Structures are given as C-alpha cells and as structure tokens.
Amino acid sequence: MAKATFSILRGEAGGGQLVDYTTEVTEGMVVLDAVHQIQAESAGDLACRWNCKAGKCGSCSAEIDGQPRLMCMTRLNQLDLTKPVTIEPMKAFPHFKDLVTDVSWNYRVKKGITKFTPRKPDAADGTWRMHQEDVDRAQEFRKCIECFLCQDVCHVLRDHHLHDEFIGPRFLVYTANLEMNPIDTENRLDELRKLHGIGYCNITKCCTKVCPEEIKITDNAIIPLKERVVDHAFDPLAKLIGLVTGKIPGP
C-alpha cells in the first residue's frame, strides 16, 4: 500500500485553514473514499456532503486541486499524489462547514423561472404528439444531476458574485429545456434578457468542461438561447411582423 496526503479545508462560515491528513491509498480509490477513510481514522468531525457515490446525486461537489469536480468520480490515479491533494468547498456559494456549502440559492432561482405551461392536448386520448428531433434535443438537458459544478466554475458567480443578476449555466440549461419544448406555451426571452442576465455569459465553455454528465451546455443550450433573445428583442423583421400582427417583441 502507498500513502498520500490530502490537504482539506477545515473551518466554518468562510473561515478556517487547510489541514494535512496522510492516509493509505489503494488501486481504484476515488477522492471520496479517501475523505471517508480520513473521517474514520483521524477526523470524525469532518463535514462533507455525499449520497449515492455513483456520480448521479450531485451531492459531493468540491474543488480538487483547484478544479470543480465530483469527489466520487475523481480517481486518485488521475491526480499527482507526489504532493498534497487539495480538497476545498465550492467557492461560488456561502461556506457552511469544512467541505459543505449552502447551495439553497439555486433552488430559489429555479422557483423564479416561469414554469412549464403545456398547450391543449392534440390527441383524442388527451396526450401530445412531438417530433422525435424535438424529444432528442431536450433529452440531453434532462441528464443534469444539479451538482452545481457549472455554477461554481462560472466567473460571473464565482468571481463577480452577481447572484442577484445572473441565474447561471445550470438554469440556462433548465430554461432551454422549457423553451425548446414544442408543447410549452410560455415565452421566457424577455425574462432571460432583463431579469436572468443571459448577457453576462461570454461563452467561455468553462461550464461545459466541468459537467460530469457531459452536457454541451454552451453549444446546445446557452448559444441557442442567446440567439433567440437577440432575434426576439432586436431583429427588425421580427418587429415589422409584430407591428402587422399586433404582437410586438420586447424592447
């Protein structure tokens, strides 16, 4: 067996310091295994959030050597164990204790997005008909496990702390799922521009890079939403049609 050192943030409410723990590691271990082992051996009061240990609950999000990742999906053989492996909580949300952050802001944001409102059923049995391409387009977005790693890596939230003005990539994906659903009757484009800050995103694709479900957040959700918002608000042809139909796009 080999030994490795893990430098883990210990403290509460934004305070604290990195504390080194050395433990034995074996082939196949992930970071969460090491954290659990450290809890059992020398730090029984170490706080961390986890549930499934299978990369599907999104609970064990943290920053490992400065990169937002799931602890349960980060194998030790992917890391440089010749030096201490740094494990810290996500930086885009308020620190609670040790590796645990308060992510409740995300749930409040979700409540503020206009909900799914279906049109009347178009089949005799009370259901709807959709083209398969429409089903496939939205299916990718439904893979999200709400680990909030994309929120954590986003510079608008992480560095500029514009939580009151920007909903973040996770909820741009959520909105795209609604907007691209042909059954939905709502229009959220003015909301995206005026309330949800879609203009803050400069499509660096950092959110796409950290997504454990490999959702193409930028290419398939954010960029199409940006295009729709611009067309809706600024396209002169759309405004002309609006004048004729009486449905003028938002300013």
Protein backbone atom coordinates (compact mmCIF):
# COMPACT_ATOMS: atom_id res chain seq x y z
CA MET A 1 0.00 0.00 0.00
CA ALA A 2 1.07 3.58 -0.70
CA LYS A 3 0.38 6.68 1.32
CA ALA A 4 -0.94 10.02 0.13
CA THR A 5 -1.52 13.36 1.78
CA PHE A 6 -4.74 15.33 1.44
CA SER A 7 -4.90 19.00 2.34
CA ILE A 8 -8.52 19.60 3.35
CA LEU A 9 -10.14 22.90 4.27
CA ARG A 10 -11.37 22.82 7.86
CA GLY A 11 -13.48 25.64 9.27
CA GLU A 12 -16.88 27.31 9.25
CA ALA A 13 -18.62 30.23 7.55
CA GLY A 14 -15.77 31.19 5.27
CA GLY A 15 -13.08 30.84 7.90
CA GLY A 16 -10.60 28.07 8.54
CA GLN A 17 -7.43 26.68 7.05
CA LEU A 18 -6.06 23.75 5.11
CA VAL A 19 -5.16 20.77 7.29
CA ASP A 20 -3.00 17.91 6.04
CA TYR A 21 -4.06 14.29 6.53
CA THR A 22 -1.97 11.32 5.42
CA THR A 23 -3.67 8.01 4.76
CA GLU A 24 -3.05 4.76 2.91
CA VAL A 25 -4.45 4.57 -0.60
CA THR A 26 -5.06 1.58 -2.83
CA GLU A 27 -5.80 0.98 -6.50
CA GLY A 28 -9.26 2.08 -7.61
CA MET A 29 -9.87 4.60 -4.82
CA VAL A 30 -11.63 7.88 -5.52
CA VAL A 31 -11.28 11.12 -3.58
CA LEU A 32 -14.48 10.45 -1.65
CA ASP A 33 -13.02 7.11 -0.47
CA ALA A 34 -10.01 8.95 0.89
CA VAL A 35 -12.21 11.53 2.65
CA HIS A 36 -14.27 8.76 4.27
CA GLN A 37 -11.08 6.99 5.33
CA ILE A 38 -9.74 10.17 6.89
CA GLN A 39 -13.05 10.63 8.73
CA ALA A 40 -12.76 7.10 10.12
CA GLU A 41 -9.10 7.39 11.10
CA SER A 42 -8.41 10.90 12.33
CA ALA A 43 -11.15 13.46 11.60
CA GLY A 44 -14.50 12.15 12.74
CA ASP A 45 -16.00 15.64 12.70
CA LEU A 46 -15.00 16.41 9.09
CA ALA A 47 -18.14 17.62 7.29
CA CYS A 48 -18.77 16.61 3.69
CA ARG A 49 -21.93 16.06 1.70
CA TRP A 50 -22.48 12.86 -0.27
CA ASN A 51 -25.21 10.36 -1.06
CA CYS A 52 -25.01 7.91 -3.96
CA LYS A 53 -21.23 7.59 -4.57
CA ALA A 54 -22.12 6.84 -8.18
CA GLY A 55 -21.98 10.25 -9.86
CA LYS A 56 -25.75 10.63 -10.04
CA CYS A 57 -26.86 12.62 -6.99
CA GLY A 58 -24.56 15.63 -7.40
CA SER A 59 -24.01 15.91 -3.65
CA CYS A 60 -20.24 15.56 -3.30
CA SER A 61 -19.19 18.54 -5.41
CA ALA A 62 -15.92 20.12 -4.29
CA GLU A 63 -12.78 21.74 -5.65
CA ILE A 64 -9.95 19.23 -6.05
CA ASP A 65 -6.57 20.78 -6.74
CA GLY A 66 -8.49 23.92 -7.69
CA GLN A 67 -10.83 22.21 -10.18
CA PRO A 68 -14.60 21.84 -9.55
CA ARG A 69 -15.25 18.08 -9.60
CA LEU A 70 -17.33 15.34 -8.02
CA MET A 71 -15.30 13.64 -5.30
CA CYS A 72 -16.91 10.27 -6.08
CA MET A 73 -15.92 10.43 -9.74
CA THR A 74 -12.34 11.65 -9.32
CA ARG A 75 -9.97 8.70 -9.18
CA LEU A 76 -6.73 9.08 -7.28
CA ASN A 77 -4.76 7.80 -10.26
CA GLN A 78 -5.90 10.94 -12.11
CA LEU A 79 -4.11 13.13 -9.55
CA ASP A 80 -0.49 13.89 -8.69
CA LEU A 81 -0.06 12.08 -5.37
CA THR A 82 3.58 13.14 -5.01
CA LYS A 83 2.28 16.32 -3.38
CA PRO A 84 -0.73 17.01 -1.12
CA VAL A 85 -4.07 16.84 -2.92
CA THR A 86 -6.06 19.96 -2.06
CA ILE A 87 -9.77 19.48 -1.33
CA GLU A 88 -11.86 22.61 -0.77
CA PRO A 89 -15.57 23.51 -0.87
CA MET A 90 -17.14 25.20 -3.89
CA LYS A 91 -16.34 28.91 -3.94
CA ALA A 92 -19.44 30.29 -5.67
CA PHE A 93 -21.71 29.63 -2.67
CA PRO A 94 -21.65 30.54 1.03
CA HIS A 95 -19.37 28.31 3.08
CA PHE A 96 -21.12 26.36 5.82
CA LYS A 97 -18.56 23.97 7.31
CA ASP A 98 -15.47 22.19 6.01
CA LEU A 99 -16.41 20.87 2.53
CA VAL A 100 -20.10 21.78 2.78
CA THR A 101 -21.58 24.87 1.13
CA ASP A 102 -25.06 26.38 1.20
CA VAL A 103 -26.48 25.81 -2.28
CA SER A 104 -30.06 26.86 -1.41
CA TRP A 105 -29.74 29.94 -3.65
CA ASN A 106 -30.03 27.61 -6.64
CA TYR A 107 -33.44 26.37 -5.56
CA ARG A 108 -34.70 29.91 -5.07
CA VAL A 109 -33.52 30.78 -8.58
CA LYS A 110 -35.39 27.82 -10.02
CA LYS A 111 -38.63 28.99 -8.41
CA GLY A 112 -38.27 32.34 -10.19
CA ILE A 113 -38.26 30.88 -13.70
CA THR A 114 -41.63 30.79 -15.47
CA LYS A 115 -42.93 27.27 -15.16
CA PHE A 116 -43.81 24.81 -17.91
CA THR A 117 -47.27 25.54 -19.30
CA PRO A 118 -48.46 22.97 -21.85
CA ARG A 119 -50.79 23.66 -24.73
CA LYS A 120 -54.00 21.72 -25.04
CA PRO A 121 -53.55 18.03 -25.89
CA ASP A 122 -53.70 17.36 -29.61
CA ALA A 123 -54.71 13.70 -29.49
CA ALA A 124 -58.02 12.08 -28.67
CA ASP A 125 -56.50 10.24 -25.70
CA GLY A 126 -55.52 13.51 -24.01
CA THR A 127 -51.81 13.36 -24.86
CA TRP A 128 -49.49 15.32 -27.17
CA ARG A 129 -47.56 14.50 -30.30
CA MET A 130 -43.95 15.61 -30.76
CA HIS A 131 -41.36 15.09 -33.46
CA GLN A 132 -38.53 12.79 -32.39
CA GLU A 133 -35.97 15.51 -33.08
CA ASP A 134 -37.70 17.73 -30.50
CA VAL A 135 -37.57 14.90 -27.97
CA ASP A 136 -33.88 14.29 -28.66
CA ARG A 137 -33.00 17.98 -28.40
CA ALA A 138 -34.33 18.31 -24.86
CA GLN A 139 -33.27 14.89 -23.62
CA GLU A 140 -29.66 15.97 -23.13
CA PHE A 141 -30.70 18.74 -20.75
CA ARG A 142 -32.64 16.29 -18.58
CA LYS A 143 -29.40 14.49 -17.73
CA CYS A 144 -28.44 17.29 -15.31
CA ILE A 145 -27.86 16.00 -11.75
CA GLU A 146 -27.74 19.51 -10.24
CA CYS A 147 -24.24 19.11 -8.85
CA PHE A 148 -23.85 22.87 -9.50
CA LEU A 149 -20.26 22.49 -10.67
CA CYS A 150 -21.14 24.59 -13.72
CA GLN A 151 -22.42 27.30 -11.38
CA ASP A 152 -19.24 27.08 -9.31
CA VAL A 153 -16.86 27.46 -12.24
CA CYS A 154 -18.81 30.33 -13.85
CA HIS A 155 -16.80 33.54 -13.39
CA VAL A 156 -19.97 35.66 -13.18
CA LEU A 157 -20.92 33.87 -9.95
CA ARG A 158 -17.52 32.71 -8.69
CA ASP A 159 -15.50 35.90 -9.19
CA HIS A 160 -18.04 38.69 -9.61
CA HIS A 161 -20.74 37.38 -7.24
CA LEU A 162 -23.62 38.59 -9.41
CA HIS A 163 -26.06 36.10 -7.95
CA ASP A 164 -28.84 38.70 -7.86
CA GLU A 165 -28.50 39.38 -11.59
CA PHE A 166 -27.50 36.08 -13.22
CA ILE A 167 -29.10 32.65 -12.92
CA GLY A 168 -26.02 30.74 -14.05
CA PRO A 169 -25.46 27.98 -16.62
CA ARG A 170 -27.43 25.34 -14.73
CA PHE A 171 -30.63 27.37 -15.03
CA LEU A 172 -29.93 28.50 -18.55
CA VAL A 173 -29.97 24.78 -19.34
CA TYR A 174 -33.21 24.41 -17.40
CA THR A 175 -34.75 27.33 -19.30
CA ALA A 176 -33.53 25.97 -22.63
CA ASN A 177 -35.27 22.69 -21.81
CA LEU A 178 -38.52 24.61 -21.39
CA GLU A 179 -38.08 26.99 -24.32
CA MET A 180 -37.26 24.21 -26.77
CA ASN A 181 -40.23 22.11 -25.76
CA PRO A 182 -42.88 22.45 -28.53
CA ILE A 183 -45.65 21.67 -26.05
CA ASP A 184 -44.82 24.67 -23.84
CA THR A 185 -46.72 27.93 -24.49
CA GLU A 186 -44.69 30.41 -22.42
CA ASN A 187 -42.13 32.93 -23.70
CA ARG A 188 -39.19 33.48 -21.33
CA LEU A 189 -36.98 35.53 -23.66
CA ASP A 190 -37.63 38.89 -22.02
CA GLU A 191 -37.03 37.28 -18.63
CA LEU A 192 -33.70 35.92 -19.80
CA ARG A 193 -32.53 39.33 -21.01
CA LYS A 194 -33.95 41.62 -18.34
CA LEU A 195 -34.10 39.51 -15.18
CA HIS A 196 -31.86 36.47 -15.57
CA GLY A 197 -28.75 38.13 -17.03
CA ILE A 198 -28.08 35.93 -20.03
CA GLY A 199 -25.98 38.76 -21.46
CA TYR A 200 -23.38 38.25 -18.72
CA CYS A 201 -22.36 34.89 -20.19
CA ASN A 202 -19.41 35.29 -22.56
CA ILE A 203 -19.49 31.63 -23.67
CA THR A 204 -16.03 30.59 -22.45
CA LYS A 205 -17.34 26.99 -22.19
CA CYS A 206 -15.87 26.55 -18.72
CA CYS A 207 -19.24 25.21 -17.56
CA THR A 208 -19.27 22.60 -20.32
CA LYS A 209 -15.79 21.41 -19.35
CA VAL A 210 -16.72 20.57 -15.75
CA CYS A 211 -20.11 18.93 -16.41
CA PRO A 212 -19.92 15.29 -15.20
CA GLU A 213 -22.83 14.37 -17.49
CA GLU A 214 -21.02 15.87 -20.49
CA ILE A 215 -23.95 18.12 -21.39
CA LYS A 216 -22.91 20.56 -24.10
CA ILE A 217 -24.13 23.47 -22.01
CA THR A 218 -22.67 26.26 -24.11
CA ASP A 219 -23.23 24.97 -27.63
CA ASN A 220 -26.63 23.35 -27.20
CA ALA A 221 -28.30 25.49 -24.54
CA ILE A 222 -26.73 28.91 -23.95
CA ILE A 223 -25.84 29.91 -27.52
CA PRO A 224 -29.28 28.95 -28.93
CA LEU A 225 -30.94 30.89 -26.10
CA LYS A 226 -28.78 33.93 -26.80
CA GLU A 227 -29.73 33.76 -30.48
CA ARG A 228 -33.43 33.59 -29.62
CA VAL A 229 -33.16 36.51 -27.20
CA VAL A 230 -31.38 38.70 -29.77
CA ASP A 231 -33.84 37.81 -32.53
CA HIS A 232 -36.78 38.48 -30.22
CA ALA A 233 -35.54 41.83 -28.95
CA PHE A 234 -33.60 43.34 -31.85
CA ASP A 235 -34.44 41.67 -35.17
CA PRO A 236 -36.05 44.41 -37.35
CA LEU A 237 -38.00 41.86 -39.41
CA ALA A 238 -39.49 40.40 -36.23
CA LYS A 239 -40.50 43.92 -35.15
CA LEU A 240 -42.12 44.56 -38.52
CA ILE A 241 -44.08 41.33 -38.26
CA GLY A 242 -45.01 42.34 -34.75
CA LEU A 243 -46.41 45.64 -35.97
CA VAL A 244 -48.54 43.81 -38.53
CA THR A 245 -49.76 41.13 -36.12
CA GLY A 246 -50.01 43.36 -33.07
CA LYS A 247 -47.52 41.17 -31.18
CA ILE A 248 -44.52 43.45 -30.87
CA PRO A 249 -41.38 41.85 -29.39
CA GLY A 250 -39.99 43.27 -26.20
CA PRO A 251 -37.74 46.34 -26.44
